[in-house]
Amino acid sequence: MSVSSTPSTAPSREADPAAPSLLRRAGTAIPVALLAGAILGALAWLSDDLGYPTGLLIPANLVGVWGLVAFGAGAGARSVLGGAGRGLFALVAAVAVYYLAYGLLGEGWRVAGAGRAAMIWGSVALLAGPTLGLAGSVWRHREGTARSLGIAVPAGVLIAEGLLFGAQVGNDPAARSLLTFEAVVGLALPLFLVRGMRARAIALGAAVIVAALTLVGLQVVLPRSGRPPTRSSGAASRSTSLADH
């Protein structure tokens, strides 16, 4: 006597395409972030090495530009956590490459203040990198208020630097124009990268708060970091290179 089994009526499930593993994604994302940071650090050193005013043509030594690179690295991530990691790797690589170039191609690591500046800006990268990277991923992957808050972070940094150092450049039209443009870009980001009047208002209001916090942070960090001996002051006081001329 044979026993026949009744065919299952449950719908068959097709195997979903395997999502890339976390390790596999990290293996791609981390090198990309490191490369972006390395290019930024190299360009910042080149800008400082060229001196004033030629260095203004490569504004990679602006704090706001560093913020945008970390933000962009985070925006390219598939997750919020991944965005924070990308921002961290990008800025740490930028600081490392800048000071590596400074030591090998510049006046060397033994110059007074260079080691201290590297330590301070490395610490800043450890804090600011994940924050800006997180903001980038939130802006890309979230909606509503979270998206507005995400874009407010780089916007506030740009506004703060543009206003702070723009007021210190005196009668230097080239530096003033660059810093004014930076502040305008900061104001434009919330207007063009979020949709809806309410979302834009939230983004602008948050950007003002971020700008105020950034102003305080710059006033604390820059004096403590000292001044590298290069003419344009180096990454240890990126924006003050504009304010000095």
Protein backbone atom coordinates (compact mmCIF):
# COMPACT_ATOMS: atom_id res chain seq x y z
CA MET A 1 0.00 0.00 0.00
CA SER A 2 1.57 3.22 -1.15
CA VAL A 3 1.25 6.52 0.58
CA SER A 4 0.96 9.51 -1.74
CA SER A 5 1.78 12.96 -0.51
CA THR A 6 -0.52 15.82 -1.30
CA PRO A 7 1.17 18.56 -3.30
CA SER A 8 1.72 21.65 -1.22
CA THR A 9 -0.52 24.56 -2.06
CA ALA A 10 1.83 27.08 -0.47
CA PRO A 11 3.33 29.45 -3.01
CA SER A 12 6.89 28.64 -3.81
CA ARG A 13 9.44 31.22 -2.79
CA GLU A 14 12.09 32.15 -5.23
CA ALA A 15 15.47 32.78 -3.76
CA ASP A 16 16.07 36.48 -3.41
CA PRO A 17 19.31 37.77 -4.85
CA ALA A 18 21.85 37.75 -2.09
CA ALA A 19 22.50 41.21 -0.80
CA PRO A 20 26.15 42.21 -0.56
CA SER A 21 27.50 41.31 2.83
CA LEU A 22 28.51 44.02 5.23
CA LEU A 23 32.13 42.98 4.86
CA ARG A 24 31.94 43.10 1.10
CA ARG A 25 30.37 46.55 1.09
CA ALA A 26 32.94 47.81 3.56
CA GLY A 27 35.67 46.46 1.31
CA THR A 28 34.45 48.81 -1.40
CA ALA A 29 33.26 51.78 0.63
CA ILE A 30 36.30 52.19 2.86
CA PRO A 31 38.85 52.44 0.01
CA VAL A 32 36.63 54.95 -1.80
CA ALA A 33 36.35 57.12 1.31
CA LEU A 34 40.07 56.84 1.94
CA LEU A 35 40.83 57.82 -1.65
CA ALA A 36 38.54 60.85 -1.47
CA GLY A 37 40.18 61.93 1.76
CA ALA A 38 43.67 61.37 0.40
CA ILE A 39 42.94 63.51 -2.66
CA LEU A 40 41.52 66.23 -0.41
CA GLY A 41 44.56 66.19 1.87
CA ALA A 42 46.94 66.33 -1.08
CA LEU A 43 45.09 69.23 -2.67
CA ALA A 44 44.98 71.10 0.64
CA TRP A 45 48.73 70.74 1.03
CA LEU A 46 49.27 71.84 -2.58
CA SER A 47 47.06 74.88 -2.03
CA ASP A 48 49.08 75.88 1.02
CA ASP A 49 52.38 75.16 -0.70
CA LEU A 50 51.49 77.34 -3.67
CA GLY A 51 51.07 80.27 -1.32
CA TYR A 52 48.91 83.32 -1.62
CA PRO A 53 47.18 84.28 -3.89
CA THR A 54 47.69 81.29 -6.22
CA GLY A 55 46.47 78.90 -3.54
CA LEU A 56 43.03 80.50 -3.68
CA LEU A 57 42.51 78.74 -7.01
CA ILE A 58 42.47 75.43 -5.10
CA PRO A 59 40.24 76.12 -2.07
CA ALA A 60 40.81 72.64 -0.65
CA ASN A 61 42.15 74.14 2.59
CA LEU A 62 38.75 75.54 3.57
CA VAL A 63 37.07 73.85 6.50
CA GLY A 64 33.80 73.93 4.57
CA VAL A 65 35.30 71.98 1.68
CA TRP A 66 36.50 69.31 4.10
CA GLY A 67 32.99 69.19 5.51
CA LEU A 68 31.47 68.74 2.06
CA VAL A 69 33.82 65.86 1.26
CA ALA A 70 32.84 64.03 4.47
CA PHE A 71 29.17 64.78 3.81
CA GLY A 72 29.44 63.51 0.24
CA ALA A 73 31.24 60.37 1.37
CA GLY A 74 28.42 59.68 3.82
CA ALA A 75 25.74 60.38 1.22
CA GLY A 76 27.20 57.63 -0.93
CA ALA A 77 26.67 55.00 1.75
CA ARG A 78 23.77 52.54 1.75
CA SER A 79 23.06 52.97 5.44
CA VAL A 80 23.22 55.67 8.09
CA LEU A 81 25.89 53.77 10.02
CA GLY A 82 27.90 53.29 6.87
CA GLY A 83 27.71 57.02 6.20
CA ALA A 84 29.25 57.83 9.56
CA GLY A 85 32.07 55.39 8.85
CA ARG A 86 32.75 56.84 5.42
CA GLY A 87 32.90 60.35 6.79
CA LEU A 88 35.34 59.23 9.45
CA PHE A 89 37.68 57.48 7.02
CA ALA A 90 37.59 60.39 4.58
CA LEU A 91 38.65 63.07 7.06
CA VAL A 92 41.19 60.93 8.89
CA ALA A 93 42.81 60.12 5.53
CA ALA A 94 42.77 63.80 4.58
CA VAL A 95 44.57 64.85 7.75
CA ALA A 96 47.07 61.98 7.45
CA VAL A 97 47.94 62.74 3.82
CA TYR A 98 48.19 66.47 4.45
CA TYR A 99 50.70 66.06 7.24
CA LEU A 100 52.52 63.27 5.44
CA ALA A 101 53.05 65.64 2.51
CA TYR A 102 53.98 68.40 4.94
CA GLY A 103 56.61 66.21 6.53
CA LEU A 104 58.06 64.71 3.35
CA LEU A 105 57.71 67.58 0.90
CA GLY A 106 57.38 70.58 3.17
CA GLU A 107 59.44 71.79 6.08
CA GLY A 108 59.30 68.55 8.08
CA TRP A 109 57.53 67.24 11.16
CA ARG A 110 60.04 68.68 13.58
CA VAL A 111 59.00 72.24 12.88
CA ALA A 112 57.46 73.78 15.99
CA GLY A 113 53.74 73.27 16.19
CA ALA A 114 53.38 70.77 13.34
CA GLY A 115 52.97 67.70 15.56
CA ARG A 116 50.56 69.46 17.88
CA ALA A 117 48.48 70.70 14.96
CA ALA A 118 48.33 67.20 13.47
CA MET A 119 47.10 65.79 16.78
CA ILE A 120 44.44 68.45 17.20
CA TRP A 121 43.10 68.25 13.64
CA GLY A 122 43.23 64.48 13.78
CA SER A 123 41.03 64.64 16.87
CA VAL A 124 38.68 67.03 15.09
CA ALA A 125 38.47 64.57 12.19
CA LEU A 126 37.48 61.79 14.59
CA LEU A 127 34.52 63.88 15.75
CA ALA A 128 33.54 65.84 12.66
CA GLY A 129 34.01 63.03 10.14
CA PRO A 130 31.33 60.70 11.50
CA THR A 131 28.99 63.63 12.19
CA LEU A 132 29.18 64.97 8.64
CA GLY A 133 29.10 61.49 7.13
CA LEU A 134 26.04 60.66 9.21
CA ALA A 135 24.40 63.88 8.04
CA GLY A 136 25.07 62.92 4.44
CA SER A 137 23.52 59.48 4.78
CA VAL A 138 20.52 60.86 6.68
CA TRP A 139 19.95 63.47 3.98
CA ARG A 140 20.02 60.78 1.30
CA HIS A 141 18.08 57.97 2.97
CA ARG A 142 15.59 59.74 5.23
CA GLU A 143 12.62 61.98 4.57
CA GLY A 144 10.93 64.91 6.28
CA THR A 145 12.58 66.67 9.18
CA ALA A 146 15.51 64.25 9.31
CA ARG A 147 16.43 65.11 5.73
CA SER A 148 16.31 68.82 6.53
CA LEU A 149 18.53 68.35 9.58
CA GLY A 150 20.99 66.36 7.51
CA ILE A 151 21.60 69.09 4.96
CA ALA A 152 21.77 71.71 7.70
CA VAL A 153 25.08 70.34 8.99
CA PRO A 154 27.33 71.13 6.01
CA ALA A 155 25.32 74.27 5.31
CA GLY A 156 26.01 75.60 8.79
CA VAL A 157 29.73 74.87 8.51
CA LEU A 158 29.97 76.74 5.21
CA ILE A 159 28.03 79.72 6.53
CA ALA A 160 30.09 79.94 9.71
CA GLU A 161 33.45 79.85 7.98
CA GLY A 162 32.41 82.25 5.26
CA LEU A 163 31.13 84.82 7.74
CA LEU A 164 33.86 84.43 10.35
CA PHE A 165 36.86 84.73 8.09
CA GLY A 166 35.16 86.92 5.54
CA ALA A 167 35.03 89.59 8.23
CA GLN A 168 38.79 89.27 8.81
CA VAL A 169 40.26 89.53 5.33
CA GLY A 170 40.19 93.32 5.23
CA ASN A 171 40.62 94.83 1.79
CA ASP A 172 41.44 91.59 0.02
CA PRO A 173 38.84 91.23 -2.75
CA ALA A 174 39.95 87.75 -3.84
CA ALA A 175 39.75 86.18 -0.39
CA ARG A 176 36.56 88.06 0.44
CA SER A 177 34.91 86.87 -2.77
CA LEU A 178 35.83 83.26 -2.06
CA LEU A 179 34.54 83.36 1.51
CA THR A 180 31.38 85.18 0.47
CA PHE A 181 30.76 82.52 -2.15
CA GLU A 182 31.25 79.86 0.51
CA ALA A 183 28.62 81.46 2.76
CA VAL A 184 26.20 81.80 -0.16
CA VAL A 185 26.64 78.11 -1.01
CA GLY A 186 25.86 77.31 2.60
CA LEU A 187 22.62 79.27 2.40
CA ALA A 188 21.73 77.70 -0.95
CA LEU A 189 22.07 74.07 0.14
CA PRO A 190 18.87 74.00 2.24
CA LEU A 191 16.97 75.82 -0.49
CA PHE A 192 17.89 73.49 -3.33
CA LEU A 193 18.48 70.10 -1.71
CA VAL A 194 15.23 69.73 0.22
CA ARG A 195 11.70 70.16 -1.05
CA GLY A 196 8.84 72.13 0.42
CA MET A 197 8.68 75.42 2.27
CA ARG A 198 8.43 73.82 5.69
CA ALA A 199 11.38 71.52 5.06
CA ARG A 200 13.47 74.42 3.82
CA ALA A 201 12.56 76.56 6.81
CA ILE A 202 13.58 73.76 9.17
CA ALA A 203 16.84 73.26 7.29
CA LEU A 204 17.69 76.97 7.34
CA GLY A 205 16.88 77.28 11.02
CA ALA A 206 18.99 74.25 11.86
CA ALA A 207 21.81 75.57 9.68
CA VAL A 208 21.88 78.77 11.74
CA ILE A 209 22.26 76.70 14.91
CA VAL A 210 25.01 74.59 13.34
CA ALA A 211 26.74 77.78 12.17
CA ALA A 212 26.70 79.18 15.70
CA LEU A 213 28.16 75.97 17.11
CA THR A 214 30.78 75.91 14.36
CA LEU A 215 31.81 79.47 15.15
CA VAL A 216 32.38 78.51 18.77
CA GLY A 217 34.29 75.40 17.73
CA LEU A 218 36.58 77.30 15.37
CA GLN A 219 37.31 79.90 17.99
CA VAL A 220 38.34 77.14 20.41
CA VAL A 221 40.27 74.86 18.03
CA LEU A 222 42.24 77.32 15.90
CA PRO A 223 44.13 79.07 18.72
CA ARG A 224 44.99 75.73 20.32
CA SER A 225 46.25 74.21 17.09
CA GLY A 226 48.98 76.78 16.66
CA ARG A 227 50.30 77.83 13.26
CA PRO A 228 52.44 75.73 10.97
CA PRO A 229 55.26 77.75 9.44
CA THR A 230 53.96 77.74 5.87
CA ARG A 231 52.86 81.03 4.42
CA SER A 232 49.20 80.06 4.16
CA SER A 233 49.13 78.35 7.56
CA GLY A 234 48.37 74.80 6.47
CA ALA A 235 45.59 72.47 7.51
CA ALA A 236 46.09 73.36 11.14
CA SER A 237 44.42 76.69 10.49
CA ARG A 238 43.00 76.27 7.03
CA SER A 239 40.74 79.27 6.88
CA THR A 240 43.05 81.60 8.72
CA SER A 241 45.29 81.47 5.68
CA LEU A 242 42.70 83.67 4.01
CA ALA A 243 42.22 85.93 6.96
CA ASP A 244 45.93 86.69 7.24
CA HIS A 245 46.30 88.40 3.88
